[in-house]
Amino acid sequence: LLPAAALALPETAPGLGATSSATIRSKSELPLWQVRKVRIALAVLALPELGLVAHTSVTLYAFCLRTLGKGKAWLGNLTSATAALQALLAGLLLPRLSSRGWSDGFLLHLGAWSFA
């Protein structure tokens, strides 16, 4: 999915440049995704996401199956319910709060809390 998005977005697609009146950067400057400092920052920012994925895919499943004695069907229902709750929050609640003037910082914290 990431390569498809990189090819589709005008900022990262090869050969698709903005018109000279719309561009802010000079043509000699590298695209943002090719700047080493940006890639390092994104890698560092991805570490909490990797921890979250590791927690939800390994630790939580092992805890549910071994300690709680729940089956795979129960675990599947838990995963589905969590995904539905996150989709509702991201698709309905956060845009509504944003349109009512809630701060971006609060919405960021609320979104991060919903995934934890």
C-alpha atoms as a PDB file:
ATOM      1  CA  LEU A   1       0.000   0.000   0.000  1.00  0.00           C
ATOM      2  CA  LEU A   2       2.843   2.380   0.804  1.00  0.00           C
ATOM      3  CA  PRO A   3       4.443   2.183  -2.672  1.00  0.00           C
ATOM      4  CA  ALA A   4       1.051   2.776  -4.294  1.00  0.00           C
ATOM      5  CA  ALA A   5       0.474   5.833  -2.130  1.00  0.00           C
ATOM      6  CA  ALA A   6       3.969   7.136  -2.852  1.00  0.00           C
ATOM      7  CA  LEU A   7       3.376   6.800  -6.583  1.00  0.00           C
ATOM      8  CA  ALA A   8      -0.080   8.389  -6.421  1.00  0.00           C
ATOM      9  CA  LEU A   9       0.719  11.451  -4.335  1.00  0.00           C
ATOM     10  CA  PRO A  10       1.987  14.428  -6.336  1.00  0.00           C
ATOM     11  CA  GLU A  11       4.640  15.184  -3.727  1.00  0.00           C
ATOM     12  CA  THR A  12       6.329  11.800  -4.123  1.00  0.00           C
ATOM     13  CA  ALA A  13       5.331  10.585  -7.579  1.00  0.00           C
ATOM     14  CA  PRO A  14       8.215  10.452 -10.044  1.00  0.00           C
ATOM     15  CA  GLY A  15       7.786  12.791 -12.975  1.00  0.00           C
ATOM     16  CA  LEU A  16       4.740  14.583 -11.583  1.00  0.00           C
ATOM     17  CA  GLY A  17       5.802  18.045 -10.625  1.00  0.00           C
ATOM     18  CA  ALA A  18       3.652  20.963  -9.629  1.00  0.00           C
ATOM     19  CA  THR A  19       3.522  23.975 -11.871  1.00  0.00           C
ATOM     20  CA  SER A  20       6.127  26.632 -11.248  1.00  0.00           C
ATOM     21  CA  SER A  21       3.566  29.031  -9.820  1.00  0.00           C
ATOM     22  CA  ALA A  22       2.294  26.481  -7.309  1.00  0.00           C
ATOM     23  CA  THR A  23       5.617  25.134  -6.152  1.00  0.00           C
ATOM     24  CA  ILE A  24       7.231  26.534  -3.032  1.00  0.00           C
ATOM     25  CA  ARG A  25      10.554  24.756  -3.253  1.00  0.00           C
ATOM     26  CA  SER A  26      13.098  25.275  -5.969  1.00  0.00           C
ATOM     27  CA  LYS A  27      13.482  22.561  -8.582  1.00  0.00           C
ATOM     28  CA  SER A  28      17.029  21.788  -7.415  1.00  0.00           C
ATOM     29  CA  GLU A  29      15.838  20.797  -3.929  1.00  0.00           C
ATOM     30  CA  LEU A  30      15.199  17.117  -3.204  1.00  0.00           C
ATOM     31  CA  PRO A  31      11.664  15.893  -2.493  1.00  0.00           C
ATOM     32  CA  LEU A  32      10.928  15.744   1.208  1.00  0.00           C
ATOM     33  CA  TRP A  33      10.810  11.949   1.302  1.00  0.00           C
ATOM     34  CA  GLN A  34      14.394  11.807  -0.011  1.00  0.00           C
ATOM     35  CA  VAL A  35      15.825  14.075   2.698  1.00  0.00           C
ATOM     36  CA  ARG A  36      17.858  11.962   5.120  1.00  0.00           C
ATOM     37  CA  LYS A  37      16.836  13.901   8.236  1.00  0.00           C
ATOM     38  CA  VAL A  38      13.147  13.451   7.415  1.00  0.00           C
ATOM     39  CA  ARG A  39      13.554   9.706   6.934  1.00  0.00           C
ATOM     40  CA  ILE A  40      15.416   9.439  10.260  1.00  0.00           C
ATOM     41  CA  ALA A  41      12.684  11.437  12.018  1.00  0.00           C
ATOM     42  CA  LEU A  42       9.995   9.202  10.518  1.00  0.00           C
ATOM     43  CA  ALA A  43      11.888   6.092  11.594  1.00  0.00           C
ATOM     44  CA  VAL A  44      12.138   7.394  15.156  1.00  0.00           C
ATOM     45  CA  LEU A  45       8.467   8.348  15.172  1.00  0.00           C
ATOM     46  CA  ALA A  46       7.542   4.865  13.919  1.00  0.00           C
ATOM     47  CA  LEU A  47       9.021   3.168  17.007  1.00  0.00           C
ATOM     48  CA  PRO A  48       5.928   3.680  19.210  1.00  0.00           C
ATOM     49  CA  GLU A  49       3.757   2.345  16.379  1.00  0.00           C
ATOM     50  CA  LEU A  50       5.919  -0.758  16.125  1.00  0.00           C
ATOM     51  CA  GLY A  51       5.579  -1.248  19.873  1.00  0.00           C
ATOM     52  CA  LEU A  52       1.813  -0.922  19.630  1.00  0.00           C
ATOM     53  CA  VAL A  53       1.636  -3.450  16.807  1.00  0.00           C
ATOM     54  CA  ALA A  54       3.871  -5.856  18.717  1.00  0.00           C
ATOM     55  CA  HIS A  55       1.684  -5.470  21.802  1.00  0.00           C
ATOM     56  CA  THR A  56      -1.621  -5.997  20.047  1.00  0.00           C
ATOM     57  CA  SER A  57      -0.459  -8.821  17.794  1.00  0.00           C
ATOM     58  CA  VAL A  58       1.619 -10.877  20.215  1.00  0.00           C
ATOM     59  CA  THR A  59       1.287  -9.882  23.846  1.00  0.00           C
ATOM     60  CA  LEU A  60      -2.460  -9.354  23.928  1.00  0.00           C
ATOM     61  CA  TYR A  61      -3.171 -12.551  22.005  1.00  0.00           C
ATOM     62  CA  ALA A  62      -0.895 -14.636  24.216  1.00  0.00           C
ATOM     63  CA  PHE A  63      -2.474 -13.112  27.326  1.00  0.00           C
ATOM     64  CA  CYS A  64      -6.010 -13.813  26.114  1.00  0.00           C
ATOM     65  CA  LEU A  65      -5.300 -17.358  25.005  1.00  0.00           C
ATOM     66  CA  ARG A  66      -3.113 -18.495  27.878  1.00  0.00           C
ATOM     67  CA  THR A  67      -4.047 -16.501  30.959  1.00  0.00           C
ATOM     68  CA  LEU A  68      -7.727 -15.829  30.355  1.00  0.00           C
ATOM     69  CA  GLY A  69      -8.314 -19.159  28.672  1.00  0.00           C
ATOM     70  CA  LYS A  70     -10.320 -17.598  25.860  1.00  0.00           C
ATOM     71  CA  GLY A  71     -10.518 -19.163  22.417  1.00  0.00           C
ATOM     72  CA  LYS A  72      -9.540 -17.838  19.030  1.00  0.00           C
ATOM     73  CA  ALA A  73     -13.149 -16.928  18.189  1.00  0.00           C
ATOM     74  CA  TRP A  74     -13.384 -14.703  21.288  1.00  0.00           C
ATOM     75  CA  LEU A  75     -10.100 -13.093  20.343  1.00  0.00           C
ATOM     76  CA  GLY A  76     -11.376 -12.470  16.814  1.00  0.00           C
ATOM     77  CA  ASN A  77     -14.494 -10.800  18.213  1.00  0.00           C
ATOM     78  CA  LEU A  78     -12.343  -8.623  20.477  1.00  0.00           C
ATOM     79  CA  THR A  79     -10.166  -7.585  17.538  1.00  0.00           C
ATOM     80  CA  SER A  80     -13.221  -6.802  15.389  1.00  0.00           C
ATOM     81  CA  ALA A  81     -14.868  -4.761  18.129  1.00  0.00           C
ATOM     82  CA  THR A  82     -11.673  -2.803  18.710  1.00  0.00           C
ATOM     83  CA  ALA A  83     -11.310  -2.067  14.989  1.00  0.00           C
ATOM     84  CA  ALA A  84     -14.959  -0.960  14.744  1.00  0.00           C
ATOM     85  CA  LEU A  85     -14.560   1.337  17.752  1.00  0.00           C
ATOM     86  CA  GLN A  86     -11.413   2.889  16.290  1.00  0.00           C
ATOM     87  CA  ALA A  87     -13.108   3.373  12.909  1.00  0.00           C
ATOM     88  CA  LEU A  88     -16.082   5.105  14.531  1.00  0.00           C
ATOM     89  CA  LEU A  89     -13.828   7.358  16.561  1.00  0.00           C
ATOM     90  CA  ALA A  90     -11.600   8.271  13.613  1.00  0.00           C
ATOM     91  CA  GLY A  91     -14.433   8.575  11.106  1.00  0.00           C
ATOM     92  CA  LEU A  92     -17.156  10.258  13.107  1.00  0.00           C
ATOM     93  CA  LEU A  93     -16.128  11.663  16.461  1.00  0.00           C
ATOM     94  CA  LEU A  94     -12.745  13.226  15.668  1.00  0.00           C
ATOM     95  CA  PRO A  95     -13.919  15.118  12.547  1.00  0.00           C
ATOM     96  CA  ARG A  96     -16.955  16.412  14.439  1.00  0.00           C
ATOM     97  CA  LEU A  97     -14.823  17.618  17.348  1.00  0.00           C
ATOM     98  CA  SER A  98     -12.405  19.225  14.896  1.00  0.00           C
ATOM     99  CA  SER A  99     -15.197  21.110  13.142  1.00  0.00           C
ATOM    100  CA  ARG A 100     -16.379  22.404  16.509  1.00  0.00           C
ATOM    101  CA  GLY A 101     -12.979  23.971  17.184  1.00  0.00           C
ATOM    102  CA  TRP A 102     -11.332  21.448  19.490  1.00  0.00           C
ATOM    103  CA  SER A 103      -7.555  21.752  19.482  1.00  0.00           C
ATOM    104  CA  ASP A 104      -5.383  19.539  17.320  1.00  0.00           C
ATOM    105  CA  GLY A 105      -3.324  18.549  20.347  1.00  0.00           C
ATOM    106  CA  PHE A 106      -6.360  17.249  22.206  1.00  0.00           C
ATOM    107  CA  LEU A 107      -7.580  15.357  19.145  1.00  0.00           C
ATOM    108  CA  LEU A 108      -4.138  13.816  18.714  1.00  0.00           C
ATOM    109  CA  HIS A 109      -4.139  12.644  22.322  1.00  0.00           C
ATOM    110  CA  LEU A 110      -7.680  11.307  22.021  1.00  0.00           C
ATOM    111  CA  GLY A 111      -6.777   9.400  18.849  1.00  0.00           C
ATOM    112  CA  ALA A 112      -3.660   7.934  20.456  1.00  0.00           C
ATOM    113  CA  TRP A 113      -5.642   6.982  23.554  1.00  0.00           C
ATOM    114  CA  SER A 114      -8.207   5.153  21.454  1.00  0.00           C
ATOM    115  CA  PHE A 115      -5.547   2.871  20.009  1.00  0.00           C
ATOM    116  CA  ALA A 116      -3.946   2.088  23.380  1.00  0.00           C
END
